[in-house]
C-alpha atoms as a PDB file:
ATOM      1  CA  MET A   1       6.875  -5.546 -11.747  1.00  0.00           C
ATOM      2  CA  THR A   2       3.606  -5.879 -13.651  1.00  0.00           C
ATOM      3  CA  HIS A   3       2.849  -9.153 -11.864  1.00  0.00           C
ATOM      4  CA  HIS A   4       3.513  -7.615  -8.437  1.00  0.00           C
ATOM      5  CA  TRP A   5       1.294  -4.602  -9.115  1.00  0.00           C
ATOM      6  CA  ARG A   6      -1.491  -6.892 -10.351  1.00  0.00           C
ATOM      7  CA  VAL A   7      -1.307  -9.033  -7.207  1.00  0.00           C
ATOM      8  CA  LEU A   8      -1.424  -5.955  -4.952  1.00  0.00           C
ATOM      9  CA  ARG A   9      -4.277  -4.422  -6.979  1.00  0.00           C
ATOM     10  CA  ASP A  10      -6.319  -7.652  -7.073  1.00  0.00           C
ATOM     11  CA  SER A  11      -5.864  -8.158  -3.332  1.00  0.00           C
ATOM     12  CA  GLY A  12      -7.110  -4.641  -2.588  1.00  0.00           C
ATOM     13  CA  VAL A  13      -3.852  -3.211  -1.239  1.00  0.00           C
ATOM     14  CA  ILE A  14      -3.372  -0.546  -3.925  1.00  0.00           C
ATOM     15  CA  PHE A  15      -5.499   1.465  -6.328  1.00  0.00           C
ATOM     16  CA  GLN A  16      -4.054   1.961  -9.813  1.00  0.00           C
ATOM     17  CA  GLU A  17      -5.072   4.959 -11.924  1.00  0.00           C
ATOM     18  CA  PRO A  18      -3.857   5.571 -15.486  1.00  0.00           C
ATOM     19  CA  SER A  19      -2.185   8.959 -15.970  1.00  0.00           C
ATOM     20  CA  GLY A  20      -0.911   9.482 -19.490  1.00  0.00           C
ATOM     21  CA  ARG A  21       1.736   6.862 -20.226  1.00  0.00           C
ATOM     22  CA  GLU A  22       2.152   6.009 -16.538  1.00  0.00           C
ATOM     23  CA  ASN A  23       0.034   4.584 -13.739  1.00  0.00           C
ATOM     24  CA  LEU A  24      -0.377   6.263 -10.380  1.00  0.00           C
ATOM     25  CA  LEU A  25      -0.389   3.822  -7.472  1.00  0.00           C
ATOM     26  CA  THR A  26      -2.175   4.696  -4.250  1.00  0.00           C
ATOM     27  CA  LEU A  27      -2.261   2.703  -1.048  1.00  0.00           C
ATOM     28  CA  ARG A  28      -5.845   1.880  -0.072  1.00  0.00           C
ATOM     29  CA  ARG A  29      -5.223   2.821   3.546  1.00  0.00           C
ATOM     30  CA  ASP A  30      -8.879   3.244   4.573  1.00  0.00           C
ATOM     31  CA  ASP A  31      -9.750  -0.210   3.260  1.00  0.00           C
ATOM     32  CA  LEU A  32      -6.700  -1.788   4.912  1.00  0.00           C
ATOM     33  CA  ASP A  33      -7.379  -0.058   8.245  1.00  0.00           C
ATOM     34  CA  ALA A  34     -10.981  -1.258   8.153  1.00  0.00           C
ATOM     35  CA  ARG A  35      -9.939  -4.842   7.522  1.00  0.00           C
ATOM     36  CA  TYR A  36      -6.744  -4.929   9.633  1.00  0.00           C
ATOM     37  CA  PRO A  37      -6.965  -2.199  12.298  1.00  0.00           C
ATOM     38  CA  GLY A  38      -3.555  -1.011  13.476  1.00  0.00           C
ATOM     39  CA  LEU A  39      -1.519  -3.088  11.010  1.00  0.00           C
ATOM     40  CA  LEU A  40      -0.101  -0.221   8.948  1.00  0.00           C
ATOM     41  CA  ASP A  41       0.637   1.853  12.049  1.00  0.00           C
ATOM     42  CA  ALA A  42       2.587  -1.063  13.540  1.00  0.00           C
ATOM     43  CA  VAL A  43       4.535  -1.629  10.312  1.00  0.00           C
ATOM     44  CA  LEU A  44       5.380   2.075   9.993  1.00  0.00           C
ATOM     45  CA  ALA A  45       6.415   2.306  13.651  1.00  0.00           C
ATOM     46  CA  GLY A  46       8.725  -0.670  13.169  1.00  0.00           C
ATOM     47  CA  ALA A  47      10.211   0.925  10.057  1.00  0.00           C
ATOM     48  CA  ARG A  48      10.897   4.140  11.983  1.00  0.00           C
ATOM     49  CA  LEU A  49      12.710   2.152  14.666  1.00  0.00           C
ATOM     50  CA  ASP A  50      14.844   0.444  12.028  1.00  0.00           C
ATOM     51  CA  ASP A  51      15.769   3.851  10.559  1.00  0.00           C
ATOM     52  CA  GLY A  52      16.608   5.244  13.965  1.00  0.00           C
ATOM     53  CA  SER A  53      14.002   8.000  13.654  1.00  0.00           C
END
């Protein structure tokens, strides 16, 4: 998983913050929305349809 987190962090998708022995991962939604407007909303809407919600 370390490789995957590094790729996501280096590409600007997530922010990683050390917290004790763990790392907190946060989606950089504002940055993603600025670069790809509407992308996350479309992905989340599609996920809701797949779940039947």
